[in-house]
């Protein structure tokens, strides 16, 4: 690096205490995939749970959506996701008749828990069915049934499962 010629070179460093995010642009980019599968639907509306107008203004994040538009989009997304929930509580990629997708069920269920915790209406039957999908291998059971009513802390998942003798 001692041969590096820096003569005639310029640089600019800009420091700002706020993130330079154009949230509206990123939300529009998420909507660019209009196919409506459960993964895309969740991916589009999940960030909106946290995009509260006052918080965005505080951090100088550009957003062209009102809180009312955000609520409508989230509620429509929830309704659409409910049509993809299978009878055993899991989620199919396209419809409730699609094959069960474990990764997708975890993703959508986490969204439902986050949405419910922020005041959105998730039907109790849908929430309970999603939370009790049997992902555990044969011979394992939940040790703490209170997990059904709370968000799962992934660090503690290993502690909540016990081996059946």
N, C-alpha and C. Protein backbone atom coordinates (compact mmCIF):
# COMPACT_ATOMS: atom_id res chain seq x y z
N UNK A 1 0.81 -1.19 0.00
CA UNK A 1 0.00 0.00 0.00
C UNK A 1 0.85 1.26 0.00
N UNK A 2 2.13 1.12 0.20
CA UNK A 2 2.99 2.31 0.22
C UNK A 2 3.11 2.96 -1.15
N UNK A 3 2.71 2.26 -2.22
CA UNK A 3 2.76 2.83 -3.57
C UNK A 3 1.44 3.47 -4.00
N UNK A 4 0.49 3.54 -3.10
CA UNK A 4 -0.83 4.08 -3.40
C UNK A 4 -0.73 5.59 -3.65
N UNK A 5 -1.15 6.04 -4.80
CA UNK A 5 -1.09 7.46 -5.17
C UNK A 5 -2.42 8.12 -4.80
N UNK A 6 -2.40 8.97 -3.81
CA UNK A 6 -3.62 9.65 -3.36
C UNK A 6 -3.71 11.08 -3.90
N UNK A 7 -2.75 11.52 -4.65
CA UNK A 7 -2.78 12.88 -5.20
C UNK A 7 -3.96 13.03 -6.15
N UNK A 8 -4.70 14.09 -6.00
CA UNK A 8 -5.82 14.38 -6.88
C UNK A 8 -7.08 13.60 -6.53
N UNK A 9 -7.08 12.87 -5.46
CA UNK A 9 -8.25 12.09 -5.05
C UNK A 9 -9.01 12.86 -3.96
N UNK A 10 -10.32 12.73 -4.00
CA UNK A 10 -11.16 13.38 -3.00
C UNK A 10 -12.10 12.36 -2.39
N UNK A 11 -12.54 12.66 -1.22
CA UNK A 11 -13.53 11.82 -0.56
C UNK A 11 -14.44 12.70 0.26
N UNK A 12 -15.57 12.18 0.61
CA UNK A 12 -16.53 12.94 1.40
C UNK A 12 -17.12 12.00 2.45
N UNK A 13 -17.13 12.43 3.66
CA UNK A 13 -17.71 11.66 4.75
C UNK A 13 -18.85 12.48 5.33
N UNK A 14 -20.00 11.86 5.42
CA UNK A 14 -21.17 12.53 5.93
C UNK A 14 -21.64 11.77 7.17
N UNK A 15 -21.81 12.46 8.27
CA UNK A 15 -22.26 11.83 9.51
C UNK A 15 -23.60 12.43 9.89
N UNK A 16 -24.56 11.54 10.16
CA UNK A 16 -25.91 11.97 10.50
C UNK A 16 -26.43 11.06 11.61
N UNK A 17 -27.04 11.61 12.63
CA UNK A 17 -27.53 10.76 13.72
C UNK A 17 -28.79 9.96 13.34
N UNK A 18 -29.35 10.18 12.17
CA UNK A 18 -30.57 9.51 11.76
C UNK A 18 -30.32 8.65 10.53
N UNK A 19 -31.01 7.52 10.44
CA UNK A 19 -30.85 6.70 9.23
C UNK A 19 -31.47 7.41 8.02
N UNK A 20 -30.83 7.30 6.89
CA UNK A 20 -31.34 7.90 5.67
C UNK A 20 -32.13 6.84 4.92
N UNK A 21 -33.35 6.62 5.37
CA UNK A 21 -34.20 5.58 4.79
C UNK A 21 -35.41 6.19 4.12
N UNK A 22 -35.67 5.76 2.93
CA UNK A 22 -36.89 6.14 2.25
C UNK A 22 -37.83 4.94 2.37
N UNK A 23 -38.54 4.85 3.48
CA UNK A 23 -39.36 3.69 3.78
C UNK A 23 -40.43 3.46 2.71
N UNK A 24 -41.01 4.51 2.21
CA UNK A 24 -42.04 4.37 1.18
C UNK A 24 -41.49 3.66 -0.05
N UNK A 25 -40.27 4.01 -0.43
CA UNK A 25 -39.63 3.37 -1.58
C UNK A 25 -39.47 1.87 -1.34
N UNK A 26 -39.02 1.50 -0.14
CA UNK A 26 -38.79 0.08 0.16
C UNK A 26 -40.11 -0.68 0.24
N UNK A 27 -41.15 -0.06 0.77
CA UNK A 27 -42.46 -0.71 0.83
C UNK A 27 -42.98 -0.92 -0.59
N UNK A 28 -42.82 0.08 -1.45
CA UNK A 28 -43.24 -0.07 -2.85
C UNK A 28 -42.47 -1.19 -3.53
N UNK A 29 -41.18 -1.31 -3.23
CA UNK A 29 -40.38 -2.39 -3.82
C UNK A 29 -40.87 -3.75 -3.33
N UNK A 30 -41.27 -3.83 -2.07
CA UNK A 30 -41.82 -5.09 -1.56
C UNK A 30 -43.11 -5.45 -2.30
N UNK A 31 -43.90 -4.44 -2.64
CA UNK A 31 -45.17 -4.68 -3.33
C UNK A 31 -44.98 -5.03 -4.81
N UNK A 32 -43.74 -4.99 -5.28
CA UNK A 32 -43.47 -5.28 -6.69
C UNK A 32 -43.70 -6.75 -7.03
N UNK A 33 -43.90 -7.58 -6.04
CA UNK A 33 -44.18 -9.00 -6.25
C UNK A 33 -45.64 -9.25 -5.89
N UNK A 34 -46.54 -9.02 -6.83
CA UNK A 34 -47.98 -9.02 -6.53
C UNK A 34 -48.65 -10.39 -6.58
N UNK A 35 -47.89 -11.45 -6.41
CA UNK A 35 -48.47 -12.77 -6.60
C UNK A 35 -49.35 -13.21 -5.43
N UNK A 36 -49.10 -12.70 -4.25
CA UNK A 36 -50.01 -12.92 -3.13
C UNK A 36 -49.81 -14.21 -2.36
N UNK A 37 -48.65 -14.85 -2.48
CA UNK A 37 -48.45 -16.05 -1.66
C UNK A 37 -48.27 -15.61 -0.21
N UNK A 38 -48.33 -16.55 0.70
CA UNK A 38 -48.27 -16.22 2.13
C UNK A 38 -46.94 -15.56 2.50
N UNK A 39 -45.85 -16.03 1.91
CA UNK A 39 -44.55 -15.44 2.24
C UNK A 39 -44.50 -13.98 1.78
N UNK A 40 -44.93 -13.70 0.57
CA UNK A 40 -44.89 -12.33 0.05
C UNK A 40 -45.84 -11.42 0.82
N UNK A 41 -47.02 -11.94 1.12
CA UNK A 41 -47.99 -11.14 1.87
C UNK A 41 -47.41 -10.75 3.23
N UNK A 42 -46.82 -11.72 3.92
CA UNK A 42 -46.24 -11.45 5.24
C UNK A 42 -45.07 -10.48 5.11
N UNK A 43 -44.22 -10.70 4.12
CA UNK A 43 -43.04 -9.85 3.93
C UNK A 43 -43.45 -8.40 3.66
N UNK A 44 -44.53 -8.21 2.95
CA UNK A 44 -44.98 -6.86 2.61
C UNK A 44 -45.54 -6.13 3.83
N UNK A 45 -46.33 -6.84 4.65
CA UNK A 45 -47.01 -6.12 5.74
C UNK A 45 -46.26 -6.18 7.07
N UNK A 46 -45.32 -7.09 7.24
CA UNK A 46 -44.61 -7.21 8.52
C UNK A 46 -43.94 -5.88 8.93
N UNK A 47 -43.17 -5.23 8.06
CA UNK A 47 -42.52 -3.97 8.47
C UNK A 47 -43.51 -2.89 8.87
N UNK A 48 -44.72 -2.96 8.33
CA UNK A 48 -45.72 -1.93 8.65
C UNK A 48 -46.15 -1.97 10.10
N UNK A 49 -45.97 -3.11 10.76
CA UNK A 49 -46.29 -3.19 12.19
C UNK A 49 -45.46 -2.20 12.99
N UNK A 50 -44.27 -1.90 12.51
CA UNK A 50 -43.33 -1.07 13.24
C UNK A 50 -43.19 0.34 12.67
N UNK A 51 -43.91 0.62 11.59
CA UNK A 51 -43.78 1.90 10.89
C UNK A 51 -44.77 2.92 11.41
N UNK A 52 -44.75 3.18 12.68
CA UNK A 52 -45.66 4.14 13.31
C UNK A 52 -45.21 5.55 12.92
N UNK A 53 -46.14 6.35 12.43
CA UNK A 53 -45.84 7.67 11.85
C UNK A 53 -44.99 8.53 12.79
N UNK A 54 -45.36 8.63 14.06
CA UNK A 54 -44.61 9.47 15.00
C UNK A 54 -43.16 9.00 15.15
N UNK A 55 -42.97 7.69 15.16
CA UNK A 55 -41.62 7.14 15.29
C UNK A 55 -40.80 7.43 14.03
N UNK A 56 -41.44 7.30 12.87
CA UNK A 56 -40.75 7.58 11.62
C UNK A 56 -40.33 9.04 11.54
N UNK A 57 -41.20 9.94 11.96
CA UNK A 57 -40.88 11.37 11.95
C UNK A 57 -39.72 11.64 12.89
N UNK A 58 -39.75 11.01 14.07
CA UNK A 58 -38.68 11.21 15.06
C UNK A 58 -37.31 10.85 14.48
N UNK A 59 -37.26 9.79 13.68
CA UNK A 59 -36.00 9.35 13.11
C UNK A 59 -35.76 9.86 11.68
N UNK A 60 -36.58 10.81 11.26
CA UNK A 60 -36.44 11.43 9.95
C UNK A 60 -36.48 10.41 8.81
N UNK A 61 -37.36 9.43 8.93
CA UNK A 61 -37.52 8.41 7.90
C UNK A 61 -38.70 8.81 7.02
N UNK A 62 -38.45 8.88 5.73
CA UNK A 62 -39.47 9.31 4.77
C UNK A 62 -40.54 8.23 4.66
N UNK A 63 -41.80 8.64 4.75
CA UNK A 63 -42.91 7.69 4.62
C UNK A 63 -44.12 8.45 4.10
N UNK A 64 -44.67 7.97 2.99
CA UNK A 64 -45.82 8.64 2.39
C UNK A 64 -47.15 8.04 2.82
N UNK A 65 -47.12 7.06 3.70
CA UNK A 65 -48.35 6.38 4.11
C UNK A 65 -48.85 6.91 5.45
N UNK A 66 -50.15 7.08 5.54
CA UNK A 66 -50.74 7.49 6.81
C UNK A 66 -50.89 6.25 7.68
N UNK A 67 -51.07 6.47 8.98
CA UNK A 67 -51.31 5.33 9.88
C UNK A 67 -52.58 4.59 9.48
N UNK A 68 -53.58 5.33 8.99
CA UNK A 68 -54.83 4.69 8.55
C UNK A 68 -54.57 3.75 7.36
N UNK A 69 -53.80 4.21 6.38
CA UNK A 69 -53.46 3.35 5.24
C UNK A 69 -52.68 2.12 5.69
N UNK A 70 -51.81 2.32 6.64
CA UNK A 70 -51.01 1.22 7.18
C UNK A 70 -51.91 0.19 7.86
N UNK A 71 -52.86 0.66 8.68
CA UNK A 71 -53.79 -0.25 9.37
C UNK A 71 -54.64 -1.03 8.37
N UNK A 72 -55.12 -0.36 7.35
CA UNK A 72 -55.94 -1.03 6.34
C UNK A 72 -55.12 -2.13 5.65
N UNK A 73 -53.89 -1.80 5.26
CA UNK A 73 -53.04 -2.79 4.57
C UNK A 73 -52.75 -3.99 5.47
N UNK A 74 -52.48 -3.74 6.74
CA UNK A 74 -52.21 -4.84 7.67
C UNK A 74 -53.44 -5.71 7.84
N UNK A 75 -54.59 -5.09 8.03
CA UNK A 75 -55.82 -5.87 8.20
C UNK A 75 -56.17 -6.69 6.95
N UNK A 76 -55.98 -6.09 5.78
CA UNK A 76 -56.22 -6.84 4.54
C UNK A 76 -55.25 -8.01 4.42
N UNK A 77 -54.00 -7.77 4.79
CA UNK A 77 -53.00 -8.84 4.75
C UNK A 77 -53.34 -9.97 5.70
N UNK A 78 -53.78 -9.63 6.90
CA UNK A 78 -54.18 -10.65 7.88
C UNK A 78 -55.33 -11.48 7.31
N UNK A 79 -56.32 -10.82 6.75
CA UNK A 79 -57.46 -11.55 6.16
C UNK A 79 -57.00 -12.49 5.06
N UNK A 80 -56.08 -12.02 4.23
CA UNK A 80 -55.57 -12.85 3.13
C UNK A 80 -54.80 -14.05 3.68
N UNK A 81 -53.97 -13.82 4.68
CA UNK A 81 -53.20 -14.92 5.28
C UNK A 81 -54.11 -15.97 5.91
N UNK A 82 -55.19 -15.53 6.50
CA UNK A 82 -56.12 -16.48 7.13
C UNK A 82 -56.72 -17.45 6.11
N UNK A 83 -56.82 -17.02 4.85
CA UNK A 83 -57.36 -17.92 3.81
C UNK A 83 -56.37 -19.01 3.44
N UNK A 84 -55.12 -18.87 3.88
CA UNK A 84 -54.08 -19.85 3.56
C UNK A 84 -53.76 -20.78 4.73
N UNK A 85 -54.51 -20.59 5.84
CA UNK A 85 -54.27 -21.46 6.99
C UNK A 85 -54.97 -22.79 6.79
N UNK A 86 -54.22 -23.86 6.97
CA UNK A 86 -54.73 -25.21 6.80
C UNK A 86 -55.50 -25.64 8.04
N UNK A 87 -56.26 -26.70 7.94
CA UNK A 87 -57.11 -27.17 9.05
C UNK A 87 -56.30 -27.56 10.28
N UNK A 88 -55.02 -27.95 10.11
CA UNK A 88 -54.19 -28.32 11.27
C UNK A 88 -53.48 -27.11 11.88
N UNK A 89 -53.73 -25.90 11.35
CA UNK A 89 -53.14 -24.68 11.88
C UNK A 89 -51.93 -24.19 11.11
N UNK A 90 -51.33 -25.05 10.29
CA UNK A 90 -50.16 -24.64 9.51
C UNK A 90 -50.61 -23.78 8.32
N UNK A 91 -49.64 -23.30 7.56
CA UNK A 91 -49.95 -22.46 6.41
C UNK A 91 -49.41 -23.07 5.13
N UNK A 92 -50.21 -22.95 4.08
CA UNK A 92 -49.77 -23.34 2.75
C UNK A 92 -49.27 -22.10 2.04
N UNK A 93 -48.44 -22.29 1.05
CA UNK A 93 -47.84 -21.16 0.35
C UNK A 93 -48.87 -20.35 -0.44
N UNK A 94 -49.81 -21.02 -1.09
CA UNK A 94 -50.77 -20.32 -1.94
C UNK A 94 -52.20 -20.37 -1.42
N UNK A 95 -52.62 -21.49 -0.87
CA UNK A 95 -53.99 -21.64 -0.36
C UNK A 95 -53.95 -22.57 0.84
N UNK A 96 -55.10 -22.75 1.45
CA UNK A 96 -55.18 -23.71 2.56
C UNK A 96 -55.06 -25.14 2.06
N UNK A 97 -55.21 -25.35 0.75
CA UNK A 97 -55.03 -26.67 0.16
C UNK A 97 -53.58 -26.95 -0.24
N UNK A 98 -52.73 -25.93 -0.21
CA UNK A 98 -51.31 -26.14 -0.54
C UNK A 98 -50.68 -27.02 0.53
N UNK A 99 -49.55 -27.61 0.18
CA UNK A 99 -48.87 -28.46 1.16
C UNK A 99 -48.36 -27.61 2.33
N UNK A 100 -48.25 -28.26 3.45
CA UNK A 100 -47.80 -27.62 4.68
C UNK A 100 -46.33 -27.19 4.55
N UNK A 101 -46.06 -25.95 4.94
CA UNK A 101 -44.69 -25.43 4.91
C UNK A 101 -44.32 -25.00 6.32
N UNK A 102 -43.42 -25.75 6.98
CA UNK A 102 -43.07 -25.45 8.36
C UNK A 102 -42.45 -24.06 8.51
N UNK A 103 -41.48 -23.74 7.66
CA UNK A 103 -40.81 -22.45 7.76
C UNK A 103 -41.81 -21.32 7.61
N UNK A 104 -42.76 -21.49 6.70
CA UNK A 104 -43.76 -20.47 6.44
C UNK A 104 -44.72 -20.33 7.62
N UNK A 105 -45.08 -21.45 8.20
CA UNK A 105 -45.98 -21.42 9.36
C UNK A 105 -45.34 -20.67 10.52
N UNK A 106 -44.06 -20.89 10.74
CA UNK A 106 -43.36 -20.16 11.80
C UNK A 106 -43.33 -18.67 11.48
N UNK A 107 -43.06 -18.32 10.25
CA UNK A 107 -42.97 -16.92 9.81
C UNK A 107 -44.32 -16.21 9.98
N UNK A 108 -45.38 -16.81 9.45
CA UNK A 108 -46.71 -16.20 9.53
C UNK A 108 -47.18 -16.14 10.98
N UNK A 109 -46.94 -17.20 11.74
CA UNK A 109 -47.36 -17.22 13.14
C UNK A 109 -46.64 -16.15 13.94
N UNK A 110 -45.35 -15.96 13.68
CA UNK A 110 -44.63 -14.89 14.36
C UNK A 110 -45.23 -13.53 14.01
N UNK A 111 -45.56 -13.34 12.74
CA UNK A 111 -46.23 -12.10 12.35
C UNK A 111 -47.54 -11.94 13.10
N UNK A 112 -48.34 -13.01 13.19
CA UNK A 112 -49.62 -12.95 13.91
C UNK A 112 -49.41 -12.56 15.37
N UNK A 113 -48.41 -13.15 16.01
CA UNK A 113 -48.13 -12.82 17.42
C UNK A 113 -47.76 -11.35 17.55
N UNK A 114 -46.88 -10.87 16.67
CA UNK A 114 -46.48 -9.46 16.70
C UNK A 114 -47.66 -8.54 16.43
N UNK A 115 -48.50 -8.91 15.46
CA UNK A 115 -49.67 -8.09 15.13
C UNK A 115 -50.65 -8.06 16.30
N UNK A 116 -50.92 -9.22 16.88
CA UNK A 116 -51.83 -9.29 18.03
C UNK A 116 -51.30 -8.44 19.18
N UNK A 117 -49.99 -8.51 19.43
CA UNK A 117 -49.38 -7.73 20.51
C UNK A 117 -49.48 -6.23 20.26
N UNK A 118 -49.71 -5.82 19.02
CA UNK A 118 -49.85 -4.40 18.67
C UNK A 118 -51.30 -4.01 18.45
N UNK A 119 -52.23 -4.88 18.87
CA UNK A 119 -53.64 -4.53 18.86
C UNK A 119 -54.43 -4.96 17.65
N UNK A 120 -53.84 -5.67 16.72
CA UNK A 120 -54.58 -6.15 15.55
C UNK A 120 -55.36 -7.40 15.92
N UNK A 121 -56.51 -7.55 15.29
CA UNK A 121 -57.40 -8.66 15.59
C UNK A 121 -56.98 -9.91 14.81
N UNK A 122 -56.52 -10.89 15.54
CA UNK A 122 -56.24 -12.20 14.96
C UNK A 122 -57.26 -13.13 15.62
N UNK A 123 -58.12 -13.78 14.86
CA UNK A 123 -59.12 -14.66 15.46
C UNK A 123 -58.45 -15.69 16.39
N UNK A 124 -59.05 -15.88 17.55
CA UNK A 124 -58.47 -16.77 18.55
C UNK A 124 -58.26 -18.18 18.02
N UNK A 125 -59.24 -18.70 17.26
CA UNK A 125 -59.09 -20.06 16.73
C UNK A 125 -57.89 -20.15 15.80
N UNK A 126 -57.66 -19.12 14.99
CA UNK A 126 -56.53 -19.13 14.04
C UNK A 126 -55.21 -19.06 14.80
N UNK A 127 -55.17 -18.21 15.81
CA UNK A 127 -53.94 -18.07 16.61
C UNK A 127 -53.62 -19.37 17.34
N UNK A 128 -54.61 -19.92 18.00
CA UNK A 128 -54.37 -21.16 18.76
C UNK A 128 -53.98 -22.31 17.83
N UNK A 129 -54.64 -22.42 16.69
CA UNK A 129 -54.30 -23.49 15.74
C UNK A 129 -52.87 -23.33 15.22
N UNK A 130 -52.47 -22.11 14.95
CA UNK A 130 -51.11 -21.88 14.44
C UNK A 130 -50.08 -22.17 15.52
N UNK A 131 -50.38 -21.84 16.76
CA UNK A 131 -49.41 -22.02 17.84
C UNK A 131 -49.24 -23.47 18.27
N UNK A 132 -50.16 -24.33 17.91
CA UNK A 132 -50.04 -25.72 18.35
C UNK A 132 -49.70 -26.68 17.21
N UNK A 133 -49.29 -26.15 16.08
CA UNK A 133 -48.87 -27.03 14.98
C UNK A 133 -47.74 -27.92 15.50
N UNK A 134 -47.84 -29.20 15.21
CA UNK A 134 -46.89 -30.17 15.73
C UNK A 134 -45.62 -30.20 14.89
N UNK A 135 -44.62 -29.41 15.32
CA UNK A 135 -43.32 -29.41 14.65
C UNK A 135 -42.31 -30.28 15.38
N UNK A 136 -42.70 -30.73 16.57
CA UNK A 136 -41.75 -31.47 17.38
C UNK A 136 -41.58 -32.89 16.88
N UNK A 137 -40.37 -33.37 16.82
CA UNK A 137 -40.16 -34.75 16.41
C UNK A 137 -40.83 -35.71 17.39
N UNK A 138 -41.12 -36.91 16.93
CA UNK A 138 -41.74 -37.92 17.79
C UNK A 138 -40.89 -38.09 19.05
N UNK A 139 -41.55 -38.22 20.18
CA UNK A 139 -40.84 -38.42 21.44
C UNK A 139 -40.56 -37.16 22.21
N UNK A 140 -40.95 -35.98 21.66
CA UNK A 140 -40.73 -34.73 22.37
C UNK A 140 -42.08 -34.06 22.63
N UNK A 141 -42.13 -33.30 23.72
CA UNK A 141 -43.35 -32.54 24.00
C UNK A 141 -42.97 -31.22 24.64
N UNK A 142 -43.90 -30.27 24.60
CA UNK A 142 -43.65 -28.99 25.26
C UNK A 142 -43.72 -29.19 26.76
N UNK A 143 -42.74 -28.64 27.45
CA UNK A 143 -42.72 -28.73 28.90
C UNK A 143 -43.57 -27.63 29.52
N UNK A 144 -43.63 -26.49 28.86
CA UNK A 144 -44.30 -25.32 29.41
C UNK A 144 -45.44 -24.91 28.48
N UNK A 145 -46.67 -25.25 28.82
CA UNK A 145 -47.81 -24.94 27.97
C UNK A 145 -48.12 -23.45 27.93
N UNK A 146 -47.52 -22.65 28.82
CA UNK A 146 -47.73 -21.20 28.78
C UNK A 146 -47.19 -20.59 27.50
N UNK A 147 -46.34 -21.32 26.78
CA UNK A 147 -45.80 -20.80 25.52
C UNK A 147 -46.91 -20.52 24.52
N UNK A 148 -48.05 -21.18 24.67
CA UNK A 148 -49.14 -20.98 23.73
C UNK A 148 -49.69 -19.57 23.80
N UNK A 149 -49.46 -18.87 24.89
CA UNK A 149 -50.04 -17.53 25.07
C UNK A 149 -49.00 -16.42 24.97
N UNK A 150 -47.76 -16.75 24.66
CA UNK A 150 -46.73 -15.73 24.60
C UNK A 150 -45.86 -15.92 23.37
N UNK A 151 -45.14 -14.88 23.02
CA UNK A 151 -44.16 -15.00 21.95
C UNK A 151 -43.04 -15.92 22.42
N UNK A 152 -42.52 -16.72 21.52
CA UNK A 152 -41.46 -17.65 21.87
C UNK A 152 -40.12 -16.93 21.75
N UNK A 153 -39.34 -16.98 22.82
CA UNK A 153 -37.98 -16.48 22.80
C UNK A 153 -37.11 -17.61 22.28
N UNK A 154 -36.57 -17.46 21.07
CA UNK A 154 -35.87 -18.55 20.42
C UNK A 154 -34.67 -19.04 21.22
N UNK A 155 -34.08 -18.20 22.07
CA UNK A 155 -32.97 -18.64 22.90
C UNK A 155 -33.41 -19.71 23.90
N UNK A 156 -34.69 -19.65 24.28
CA UNK A 156 -35.19 -20.55 25.31
C UNK A 156 -35.93 -21.76 24.76
N UNK A 157 -36.05 -21.86 23.45
CA UNK A 157 -36.80 -22.98 22.88
C UNK A 157 -36.22 -24.30 23.34
N UNK A 158 -34.90 -24.43 23.32
CA UNK A 158 -34.27 -25.67 23.75
C UNK A 158 -34.59 -26.03 25.18
N UNK A 159 -34.85 -25.03 26.01
CA UNK A 159 -35.15 -25.26 27.41
C UNK A 159 -36.60 -25.68 27.63
N UNK A 160 -37.46 -25.50 26.61
CA UNK A 160 -38.88 -25.78 26.80
C UNK A 160 -39.27 -27.18 26.32
N UNK A 161 -38.32 -27.89 25.81
CA UNK A 161 -38.61 -29.21 25.28
C UNK A 161 -37.94 -30.26 26.17
N UNK A 162 -38.65 -31.30 26.50
CA UNK A 162 -38.04 -32.35 27.29
C UNK A 162 -38.24 -33.69 26.60
N UNK A 163 -37.35 -34.58 26.88
CA UNK A 163 -37.40 -35.92 26.30
C UNK A 163 -38.41 -36.75 27.07
N UNK A 164 -39.29 -37.44 26.34
CA UNK A 164 -40.23 -38.34 26.98
C UNK A 164 -39.52 -39.68 27.18
N UNK A 165 -39.57 -40.17 28.40
CA UNK A 165 -38.90 -41.46 28.69
C UNK A 165 -39.67 -42.63 28.16
